[in-house]
Amino acid sequence: VALPEPARQARAYPHELSGGMIQRVMLAIALACAPALLV
């Protein structure tokens, strides 16, 4: 999901990320299991 430095960001808390970065995290969670449908 193009989050910069993913290994470092994985250790971050949500308040340490910008709005765009949080949205990328949400996309990563939604796509974790390769769903057929994304809402």
PDB file of all heavy atoms in Angstrom:
ATOM      1  N   VAL A   1       0.823  -1.218   0.000  1.00  0.00           N
ATOM      2  CA  VAL A   1       0.000   0.000   0.000  1.00  0.00           C
ATOM      3  C   VAL A   1       0.854   1.264   0.000  1.00  0.00           C
ATOM      4  O   VAL A   1       0.361   2.362   0.260  1.00  0.00           O
ATOM      5  CB  VAL A   1      -0.986   0.010   1.186  1.00  0.00           C
ATOM      6  CG1 VAL A   1      -1.966  -1.145   1.074  1.00  0.00           C
ATOM      7  CG2 VAL A   1      -0.255  -0.008   2.524  1.00  0.00           C
ATOM      8  N   ALA A   2       2.136   1.092  -0.296  1.00  0.00           N
ATOM      9  CA  ALA A   2       3.065   2.217  -0.482  1.00  0.00           C
ATOM     10  C   ALA A   2       3.278   3.042   0.776  1.00  0.00           C
ATOM     11  O   ALA A   2       3.457   4.258   0.713  1.00  0.00           O
ATOM     12  CB  ALA A   2       2.595   3.113  -1.631  1.00  0.00           C
ATOM     13  N   LEU A   3       3.252   2.383   1.945  1.00  0.00           N
ATOM     14  CA  LEU A   3       3.608   3.076   3.177  1.00  0.00           C
ATOM     15  C   LEU A   3       5.131   3.113   3.272  1.00  0.00           C
ATOM     16  O   LEU A   3       5.779   2.064   3.217  1.00  0.00           O
ATOM     17  CB  LEU A   3       3.016   2.346   4.383  1.00  0.00           C
ATOM     18  CG  LEU A   3       2.909   3.120   5.692  1.00  0.00           C
ATOM     19  CD1 LEU A   3       1.899   4.259   5.551  1.00  0.00           C
ATOM     20  CD2 LEU A   3       2.496   2.205   6.825  1.00  0.00           C
ATOM     21  N   PRO A   4       5.735   4.284   3.403  1.00  0.00           N
ATOM     22  CA  PRO A   4       7.203   4.357   3.431  1.00  0.00           C
ATOM     23  C   PRO A   4       7.770   3.672   4.675  1.00  0.00           C
ATOM     24  O   PRO A   4       7.156   3.713   5.750  1.00  0.00           O
ATOM     25  CB  PRO A   4       7.485   5.865   3.445  1.00  0.00           C
ATOM     26  CG  PRO A   4       6.240   6.485   3.985  1.00  0.00           C
ATOM     27  CD  PRO A   4       5.115   5.616   3.531  1.00  0.00           C
ATOM     28  N   GLU A   5       8.908   3.037   4.507  1.00  0.00           N
ATOM     29  CA  GLU A   5       9.585   2.338   5.597  1.00  0.00           C
ATOM     30  C   GLU A   5       8.620   1.443   6.373  1.00  0.00           C
ATOM     31  O   GLU A   5       8.354   1.645   7.560  1.00  0.00           O
ATOM     32  CB  GLU A   5      10.234   3.340   6.560  1.00  0.00           C
ATOM     33  CG  GLU A   5      11.272   4.238   5.908  1.00  0.00           C
ATOM     34  CD  GLU A   5      11.909   5.173   6.930  1.00  0.00           C
ATOM     35  OE1 GLU A   5      12.802   4.705   7.667  1.00  0.00           O
ATOM     36  OE2 GLU A   5      11.477   6.344   6.986  1.00  0.00           O
ATOM     37  N   PRO A   6       8.072   0.435   5.714  1.00  0.00           N
ATOM     38  CA  PRO A   6       7.014  -0.373   6.346  1.00  0.00           C
ATOM     39  C   PRO A   6       7.436  -1.043   7.647  1.00  0.00           C
ATOM     40  O   PRO A   6       6.611  -1.156   8.569  1.00  0.00           O
ATOM     41  CB  PRO A   6       6.664  -1.399   5.266  1.00  0.00           C
ATOM     42  CG  PRO A   6       7.774  -1.347   4.275  1.00  0.00           C
ATOM     43  CD  PRO A   6       8.334   0.013   4.332  1.00  0.00           C
ATOM     44  N   ALA A   7       8.694  -1.484   7.754  1.00  0.00           N
ATOM     45  CA  ALA A   7       9.127  -2.141   8.990  1.00  0.00           C
ATOM     46  C   ALA A   7       9.069  -1.170  10.166  1.00  0.00           C
ATOM     47  O   ALA A   7       8.654  -1.542  11.277  1.00  0.00           O
ATOM     48  CB  ALA A   7      10.538  -2.695   8.817  1.00  0.00           C
ATOM     49  N   ARG A   8       9.457   0.079   9.936  1.00  0.00           N
ATOM     50  CA  ARG A   8       9.417   1.077  11.006  1.00  0.00           C
ATOM     51  C   ARG A   8       7.987   1.492  11.313  1.00  0.00           C
ATOM     52  O   ARG A   8       7.603   1.631  12.475  1.00  0.00           O
ATOM     53  CB  ARG A   8      10.256   2.289  10.618  1.00  0.00           C
ATOM     54  CG  ARG A   8      10.321   3.358  11.719  1.00  0.00           C
ATOM     55  CD  ARG A   8      11.309   4.454  11.371  1.00  0.00           C
ATOM     56  NE  ARG A   8      10.853   5.270  10.264  1.00  0.00           N
ATOM     57  CZ  ARG A   8      10.036   6.315  10.409  1.00  0.00           C
ATOM     58  NH1 ARG A   8       9.574   6.651  11.608  1.00  0.00           N
ATOM     59  NH2 ARG A   8       9.670   7.016   9.356  1.00  0.00           N
ATOM     60  N   GLN A   9       7.160   1.673  10.264  1.00  0.00           N
ATOM     61  CA  GLN A   9       5.779   2.112  10.475  1.00  0.00           C
ATOM     62  C   GLN A   9       4.955   1.046  11.188  1.00  0.00           C
ATOM     63  O   GLN A   9       3.998   1.371  11.902  1.00  0.00           O
ATOM     64  CB  GLN A   9       5.124   2.473   9.144  1.00  0.00           C
ATOM     65  CG  GLN A   9       5.846   3.524   8.325  1.00  0.00           C
ATOM     66  CD  GLN A   9       5.942   4.869   9.021  1.00  0.00           C
ATOM     67  OE1 GLN A   9       5.379   5.066  10.091  1.00  0.00           O
ATOM     68  NE2 GLN A   9       6.673   5.799   8.423  1.00  0.00           N
ATOM     69  N   ALA A  10       5.327  -0.218  11.033  1.00  0.00           N
ATOM     70  CA  ALA A  10       4.596  -1.289  11.713  1.00  0.00           C
ATOM     71  C   ALA A  10       4.702  -1.151  13.229  1.00  0.00           C
ATOM     72  O   ALA A  10       3.816  -1.604  13.963  1.00  0.00           O
ATOM     73  CB  ALA A  10       5.118  -2.653  11.267  1.00  0.00           C
ATOM     74  N   ARG A  11       5.766  -0.508  13.694  1.00  0.00           N
ATOM     75  CA  ARG A  11       5.954  -0.327  15.136  1.00  0.00           C
ATOM     76  C   ARG A  11       5.323   0.972  15.652  1.00  0.00           C
ATOM     77  O   ARG A  11       5.344   1.246  16.856  1.00  0.00           O
ATOM     78  CB  ARG A  11       7.453  -0.335  15.471  1.00  0.00           C
ATOM     79  CG  ARG A  11       8.151  -1.652  15.132  1.00  0.00           C
ATOM     80  CD  ARG A  11       9.548  -1.700  15.702  1.00  0.00           C
ATOM     81  NE  ARG A  11      10.422  -0.698  15.094  1.00  0.00           N
ATOM     82  CZ  ARG A  11      11.110  -0.877  13.972  1.00  0.00           C
ATOM     83  NH1 ARG A  11      11.032  -2.045  13.324  1.00  0.00           N
ATOM     84  NH2 ARG A  11      11.888   0.072  13.498  1.00  0.00           N
ATOM     85  N   ALA A  12       4.764   1.773  14.764  1.00  0.00           N
ATOM     86  CA  ALA A  12       4.188   3.063  15.151  1.00  0.00           C
ATOM     87  C   ALA A  12       2.777   2.889  15.698  1.00  0.00           C
ATOM     88  O   ALA A  12       2.095   1.888  15.438  1.00  0.00           O
ATOM     89  CB  ALA A  12       4.175   4.004  13.950  1.00  0.00           C
ATOM     90  N   TYR A  13       2.324   3.895  16.451  1.00  0.00           N
ATOM     91  CA  TYR A  13       0.937   3.974  16.901  1.00  0.00           C
ATOM     92  C   TYR A  13       0.159   4.878  15.937  1.00  0.00           C
ATOM     93  O   TYR A  13       0.753   5.737  15.266  1.00  0.00           O
ATOM     94  CB  TYR A  13       0.867   4.530  18.319  1.00  0.00           C
ATOM     95  CG  TYR A  13       1.393   3.575  19.366  1.00  0.00           C
ATOM     96  CD1 TYR A  13       2.711   3.668  19.813  1.00  0.00           C
ATOM     97  CD2 TYR A  13       0.579   2.574  19.884  1.00  0.00           C
ATOM     98  CE1 TYR A  13       3.208   2.787  20.765  1.00  0.00           C
ATOM     99  CE2 TYR A  13       1.059   1.684  20.846  1.00  0.00           C
ATOM    100  CZ  TYR A  13       2.378   1.799  21.275  1.00  0.00           C
ATOM    101  OH  TYR A  13       2.857   0.912  22.208  1.00  0.00           O
ATOM    102  N   PRO A  14      -1.161   4.700  15.833  1.00  0.00           N
ATOM    103  CA  PRO A  14      -1.934   5.493  14.863  1.00  0.00           C
ATOM    104  C   PRO A  14      -1.722   7.001  14.975  1.00  0.00           C
ATOM    105  O   PRO A  14      -1.658   7.698  13.957  1.00  0.00           O
ATOM    106  CB  PRO A  14      -3.378   5.102  15.178  1.00  0.00           C
ATOM    107  CG  PRO A  14      -3.286   3.702  15.679  1.00  0.00           C
ATOM    108  CD  PRO A  14      -2.006   3.669  16.479  1.00  0.00           C
ATOM    109  N   HIS A  15      -1.573   7.540  16.206  1.00  0.00           N
ATOM    110  CA  HIS A  15      -1.436   8.985  16.338  1.00  0.00           C
ATOM    111  C   HIS A  15      -0.115   9.509  15.770  1.00  0.00           C
ATOM    112  O   HIS A  15       0.058  10.709  15.589  1.00  0.00           O
ATOM    113  CB  HIS A  15      -1.569   9.406  17.812  1.00  0.00           C
ATOM    114  CG  HIS A  15      -0.384   9.037  18.661  1.00  0.00           C
ATOM    115  ND1 HIS A  15      -0.296   7.827  19.330  1.00  0.00           N
ATOM    116  CD2 HIS A  15       0.762   9.713  18.948  1.00  0.00           C
ATOM    117  CE1 HIS A  15       0.844   7.782  19.993  1.00  0.00           C
ATOM    118  NE2 HIS A  15       1.506   8.911  19.782  1.00  0.00           N
ATOM    119  N   GLU A  16       0.814   8.603  15.484  1.00  0.00           N
ATOM    120  CA  GLU A  16       2.106   9.006  14.927  1.00  0.00           C
ATOM    121  C   GLU A  16       2.075   9.070  13.398  1.00  0.00           C
ATOM    122  O   GLU A  16       3.070   9.450  12.781  1.00  0.00           O
ATOM    123  CB  GLU A  16       3.200   8.029  15.380  1.00  0.00           C
ATOM    124  CG  GLU A  16       3.400   8.004  16.885  1.00  0.00           C
ATOM    125  CD  GLU A  16       4.422   6.978  17.327  1.00  0.00           C
ATOM    126  OE1 GLU A  16       4.186   5.775  17.123  1.00  0.00           O
ATOM    127  OE2 GLU A  16       5.463   7.385  17.881  1.00  0.00           O
ATOM    128  N   LEU A  17       0.949   8.710  12.806  1.00  0.00           N
ATOM    129  CA  LEU A  17       0.822   8.685  11.351  1.00  0.00           C
ATOM    130  C   LEU A  17      -0.081   9.804  10.863  1.00  0.00           C
ATOM    131  O   LEU A  17      -0.990  10.244  11.570  1.00  0.00           O
ATOM    132  CB  LEU A  17       0.262   7.337  10.891  1.00  0.00           C
ATOM    133  CG  LEU A  17       0.997   6.075  11.333  1.00  0.00           C
ATOM    134  CD1 LEU A  17       0.326   4.847  10.740  1.00  0.00           C
ATOM    135  CD2 LEU A  17       2.471   6.123  10.936  1.00  0.00           C
ATOM    136  N   SER A  18       0.146  10.230   9.628  1.00  0.00           N
ATOM    137  CA  SER A  18      -0.724  11.227   8.998  1.00  0.00           C
ATOM    138  C   SER A  18      -2.020  10.558   8.535  1.00  0.00           C
ATOM    139  O   SER A  18      -2.135   9.315   8.519  1.00  0.00           O
ATOM    140  CB  SER A  18      -0.021  11.857   7.798  1.00  0.00           C
ATOM    141  OG  SER A  18       0.132  10.884   6.763  1.00  0.00           O
ATOM    142  N   GLY A  19      -2.999  11.395   8.122  1.00  0.00           N
ATOM    143  CA  GLY A  19      -4.262  10.848   7.645  1.00  0.00           C
ATOM    144  C   GLY A  19      -4.094   9.934   6.446  1.00  0.00           C
ATOM    145  O   GLY A  19      -4.718   8.871   6.365  1.00  0.00           O
ATOM    146  N   GLY A  20      -3.245  10.333   5.500  1.00  0.00           N
ATOM    147  CA  GLY A  20      -3.016   9.501   4.327  1.00  0.00           C
ATOM    148  C   GLY A  20      -2.355   8.180   4.672  1.00  0.00           C
ATOM    149  O   GLY A  20      -2.675   7.132   4.098  1.00  0.00           O
ATOM    150  N   MET A  21      -1.436   8.201   5.648  1.00  0.00           N
ATOM    151  CA  MET A  21      -0.762   6.969   6.069  1.00  0.00           C
ATOM    152  C   MET A  21      -1.736   6.035   6.779  1.00  0.00           C
ATOM    153  O   MET A  21      -1.704   4.810   6.571  1.00  0.00           O
ATOM    154  CB  MET A  21       0.421   7.317   6.968  1.00  0.00           C
ATOM    155  CG  MET A  21       1.537   8.084   6.243  1.00  0.00           C
ATOM    156  SD  MET A  21       2.746   8.792   7.374  1.00  0.00           S
ATOM    157  CE  MET A  21       3.722   7.347   7.768  1.00  0.00           C
ATOM    158  N   ILE A  22      -2.628   6.605   7.596  1.00  0.00           N
ATOM    159  CA  ILE A  22      -3.637   5.780   8.275  1.00  0.00           C
ATOM    160  C   ILE A  22      -4.550   5.118   7.251  1.00  0.00           C
ATOM    161  O   ILE A  22      -4.904   3.944   7.383  1.00  0.00           O
ATOM    162  CB  ILE A  22      -4.446   6.638   9.262  1.00  0.00           C
ATOM    163  CG1 ILE A  22      -3.577   7.033  10.458  1.00  0.00           C
ATOM    164  CG2 ILE A  22      -5.690   5.898   9.740  1.00  0.00           C
ATOM    165  CD1 ILE A  22      -4.249   7.971  11.421  1.00  0.00           C
ATOM    166  N   GLN A  23      -4.910   5.870   6.213  1.00  0.00           N
ATOM    167  CA  GLN A  23      -5.761   5.292   5.180  1.00  0.00           C
ATOM    168  C   GLN A  23      -5.058   4.128   4.484  1.00  0.00           C
ATOM    169  O   GLN A  23      -5.694   3.119   4.139  1.00  0.00           O
ATOM    170  CB  GLN A  23      -6.173   6.366   4.168  1.00  0.00           C
ATOM    171  CG  GLN A  23      -7.294   5.964   3.237  1.00  0.00           C
ATOM    172  CD  GLN A  23      -8.582   5.668   3.969  1.00  0.00           C
ATOM    173  OE1 GLN A  23      -8.743   4.603   4.558  1.00  0.00           O
ATOM    174  NE2 GLN A  23      -9.515   6.611   3.932  1.00  0.00           N
ATOM    175  N   ARG A  24      -3.758   4.231   4.291  1.00  0.00           N
ATOM    176  CA  ARG A  24      -2.997   3.125   3.694  1.00  0.00           C
ATOM    177  C   ARG A  24      -2.985   1.911   4.618  1.00  0.00           C
ATOM    178  O   ARG A  24      -3.063   0.760   4.156  1.00  0.00           O
ATOM    179  CB  ARG A  24      -1.581   3.587   3.372  1.00  0.00           C
ATOM    180  CG  ARG A  24      -1.518   4.632   2.274  1.00  0.00           C
ATOM    181  CD  ARG A  24      -0.109   5.217   2.120  1.00  0.00           C
ATOM    182  NE  ARG A  24      -0.141   6.396   1.281  1.00  0.00           N
ATOM    183  CZ  ARG A  24      -0.012   6.384  -0.047  1.00  0.00           C
ATOM    184  NH1 ARG A  24       0.168   5.229  -0.676  1.00  0.00           N
ATOM    185  NH2 ARG A  24      -0.048   7.495  -0.757  1.00  0.00           N
ATOM    186  N   VAL A  25      -2.894   2.147   5.921  1.00  0.00           N
ATOM    187  CA  VAL A  25      -2.952   1.039   6.878  1.00  0.00           C
ATOM    188  C   VAL A  25      -4.309   0.345   6.791  1.00  0.00           C
ATOM    189  O   VAL A  25      -4.395  -0.890   6.793  1.00  0.00           O
ATOM    190  CB  VAL A  25      -2.691   1.543   8.306  1.00  0.00           C
ATOM    191  CG1 VAL A  25      -2.934   0.425   9.327  1.00  0.00           C
ATOM    192  CG2 VAL A  25      -1.261   2.065   8.436  1.00  0.00           C
ATOM    193  N   MET A  26      -5.372   1.131   6.701  1.00  0.00           N
ATOM    194  CA  MET A  26      -6.709   0.544   6.593  1.00  0.00           C
ATOM    195  C   MET A  26      -6.831  -0.307   5.331  1.00  0.00           C
ATOM    196  O   MET A  26      -7.467  -1.369   5.347  1.00  0.00           O
ATOM    197  CB  MET A  26      -7.766   1.644   6.589  1.00  0.00           C
ATOM    198  CG  MET A  26      -7.900   2.395   7.905  1.00  0.00           C
ATOM    199  SD  MET A  26      -8.353   1.327   9.292  1.00  0.00           S
ATOM    200  CE  MET A  26      -9.925   0.685   8.739  1.00  0.00           C
ATOM    201  N   LEU A  27      -6.234   0.158   4.245  1.00  0.00           N
ATOM    202  CA  LEU A  27      -6.250  -0.637   3.013  1.00  0.00           C
ATOM    203  C   LEU A  27      -5.467  -1.935   3.198  1.00  0.00           C
ATOM    204  O   LEU A  27      -5.882  -2.996   2.716  1.00  0.00           O
ATOM    205  CB  LEU A  27      -5.665   0.176   1.858  1.00  0.00           C
ATOM    206  CG  LEU A  27      -6.592   1.223   1.243  1.00  0.00           C
ATOM    207  CD1 LEU A  27      -5.817   2.163   0.330  1.00  0.00           C
ATOM    208  CD2 LEU A  27      -7.714   0.552   0.462  1.00  0.00           C
ATOM    209  N   ALA A  28      -4.327  -1.864   3.907  1.00  0.00           N
ATOM    210  CA  ALA A  28      -3.541  -3.076   4.147  1.00  0.00           C
ATOM    211  C   ALA A  28      -4.346  -4.092   4.948  1.00  0.00           C
ATOM    212  O   ALA A  28      -4.322  -5.296   4.661  1.00  0.00           O
ATOM    213  CB  ALA A  28      -2.248  -2.715   4.883  1.00  0.00           C
ATOM    214  N   ILE A  29      -5.091  -3.615   5.962  1.00  0.00           N
ATOM    215  CA  ILE A  29      -5.925  -4.520   6.769  1.00  0.00           C
ATOM    216  C   ILE A  29      -7.021  -5.130   5.905  1.00  0.00           C
ATOM    217  O   ILE A  29      -7.287  -6.335   5.955  1.00  0.00           O
ATOM    218  CB  ILE A  29      -6.521  -3.759   7.964  1.00  0.00           C
ATOM    219  CG1 ILE A  29      -5.423  -3.341   8.942  1.00  0.00           C
ATOM    220  CG2 ILE A  29      -7.574  -4.615   8.678  1.00  0.00           C
ATOM    221  CD1 ILE A  29      -5.896  -2.413  10.045  1.00  0.00           C
ATOM    222  N   ALA A  30      -7.665  -4.300   5.079  1.00  0.00           N
ATOM    223  CA  ALA A  30      -8.762  -4.786   4.234  1.00  0.00           C
ATOM    224  C   ALA A  30      -8.290  -5.811   3.219  1.00  0.00           C
ATOM    225  O   ALA A  30      -9.033  -6.717   2.847  1.00  0.00           O
ATOM    226  CB  ALA A  30      -9.425  -3.605   3.523  1.00  0.00           C
ATOM    227  N   LEU A  31      -7.035  -5.687   2.773  1.00  0.00           N
ATOM    228  CA  LEU A  31      -6.516  -6.567   1.724  1.00  0.00           C
ATOM    229  C   LEU A  31      -5.699  -7.729   2.274  1.00  0.00           C
ATOM    230  O   LEU A  31      -5.182  -8.528   1.498  1.00  0.00           O
ATOM    231  CB  LEU A  31      -5.642  -5.754   0.757  1.00  0.00           C
ATOM    232  CG  LEU A  31      -6.352  -4.634  -0.003  1.00  0.00           C
ATOM    233  CD1 LEU A  31      -5.344  -3.811  -0.802  1.00  0.00           C
ATOM    234  CD2 LEU A  31      -7.416  -5.196  -0.930  1.00  0.00           C
ATOM    235  N   ALA A  32      -5.600  -7.842   3.594  1.00  0.00           N
ATOM    236  CA  ALA A  32      -4.708  -8.829   4.207  1.00  0.00           C
ATOM    237  C   ALA A  32      -4.983 -10.251   3.738  1.00  0.00           C
ATOM    238  O   ALA A  32      -4.062 -11.059   3.612  1.00  0.00           O
ATOM    239  CB  ALA A  32      -4.819  -8.743   5.731  1.00  0.00           C
ATOM    240  N   CYS A  33      -6.236 -10.562   3.489  1.00  0.00           N
ATOM    241  CA  CYS A  33      -6.596 -11.941   3.121  1.00  0.00           C
ATOM    242  C   CYS A  33      -7.061 -12.057   1.681  1.00  0.00           C
ATOM    243  O   CYS A  33      -7.807 -12.977   1.325  1.00  0.00           O
ATOM    244  CB  CYS A  33      -7.655 -12.469   4.076  1.00  0.00           C
ATOM    245  SG  CYS A  33      -7.084 -12.492   5.792  1.00  0.00           S
ATOM    246  N   ALA A  34      -6.631 -11.103   0.832  1.00  0.00           N
ATOM    247  CA  ALA A  34      -6.946 -11.117  -0.602  1.00  0.00           C
ATOM    248  C   ALA A  34      -8.435 -11.297  -0.855  1.00  0.00           C
ATOM    249  O   ALA A  34      -8.868 -12.279  -1.471  1.00  0.00           O
ATOM    250  CB  ALA A  34      -6.149 -12.210  -1.320  1.00  0.00           C
ATOM    251  N   PRO A  35      -9.281 -10.369  -0.390  1.00  0.00           N
ATOM    252  CA  PRO A  35     -10.737 -10.515  -0.576  1.00  0.00           C
ATOM    253  C   PRO A  35     -11.132 -10.369  -2.038  1.00  0.00           C
ATOM    254  O   PRO A  35     -10.387  -9.808  -2.848  1.00  0.00           O
ATOM    255  CB  PRO A  35     -11.302  -9.363   0.260  1.00  0.00           C
ATOM    256  CG  PRO A  35     -10.227  -8.320   0.213  1.00  0.00           C
ATOM    257  CD  PRO A  35      -8.936  -9.089   0.245  1.00  0.00           C
ATOM    258  N   ALA A  36     -12.326 -10.851  -2.349  1.00  0.00           N
ATOM    259  CA  ALA A  36     -12.861 -10.687  -3.703  1.00  0.00           C
ATOM    260  C   ALA A  36     -13.546  -9.335  -3.851  1.00  0.00           C
ATOM    261  O   ALA A  36     -13.570  -8.751  -4.934  1.00  0.00           O
ATOM    262  CB  ALA A  36     -13.849 -11.807  -4.012  1.00  0.00           C
ATOM    263  N   LEU A  37     -14.124  -8.830  -2.749  1.00  0.00           N
ATOM    264  CA  LEU A  37     -14.879  -7.578  -2.769  1.00  0.00           C
ATOM    265  C   LEU A  37     -14.308  -6.631  -1.731  1.00  0.00           C
ATOM    266  O   LEU A  37     -14.077  -7.025  -0.576  1.00  0.00           O
ATOM    267  CB  LEU A  37     -16.359  -7.850  -2.469  1.00  0.00           C
ATOM    268  CG  LEU A  37     -17.269  -6.635  -2.249  1.00  0.00           C
ATOM    269  CD1 LEU A  37     -17.345  -5.765  -3.502  1.00  0.00           C
ATOM    270  CD2 LEU A  37     -18.668  -7.086  -1.815  1.00  0.00           C
ATOM    271  N   LEU A  38     -14.092  -5.389  -2.127  1.00  0.00           N
ATOM    272  CA  LEU A  38     -13.648  -4.345  -1.202  1.00  0.00           C
ATOM    273  C   LEU A  38     -14.733  -3.290  -1.114  1.00  0.00           C
ATOM    274  O   LEU A  38     -15.152  -2.722  -2.125  1.00  0.00           O
ATOM    275  CB  LEU A  38     -12.348  -3.703  -1.698  1.00  0.00           C
ATOM    276  CG  LEU A  38     -11.825  -2.528  -0.865  1.00  0.00           C
ATOM    277  CD1 LEU A  38     -11.399  -3.003   0.522  1.00  0.00           C
ATOM    278  CD2 LEU A  38     -10.671  -1.826  -1.569  1.00  0.00           C
ATOM    279  N   VAL A  39     -15.220  -3.039   0.099  1.00  0.00           N
ATOM    280  CA  VAL A  39     -16.182  -1.961   0.353  1.00  0.00           C
ATOM    281  C   VAL A  39     -15.382  -0.775   0.885  1.00  0.00           C
ATOM    282  O   VAL A  39     -14.810  -0.858   1.976  1.00  0.00           O
ATOM    283  CB  VAL A  39     -17.263  -2.385   1.361  1.00  0.00           C
ATOM    284  CG1 VAL A  39     -18.249  -1.248   1.598  1.00  0.00           C
ATOM    285  CG2 VAL A  39     -17.993  -3.628   0.869  1.00  0.00           C
TER     286      VAL A  39
END
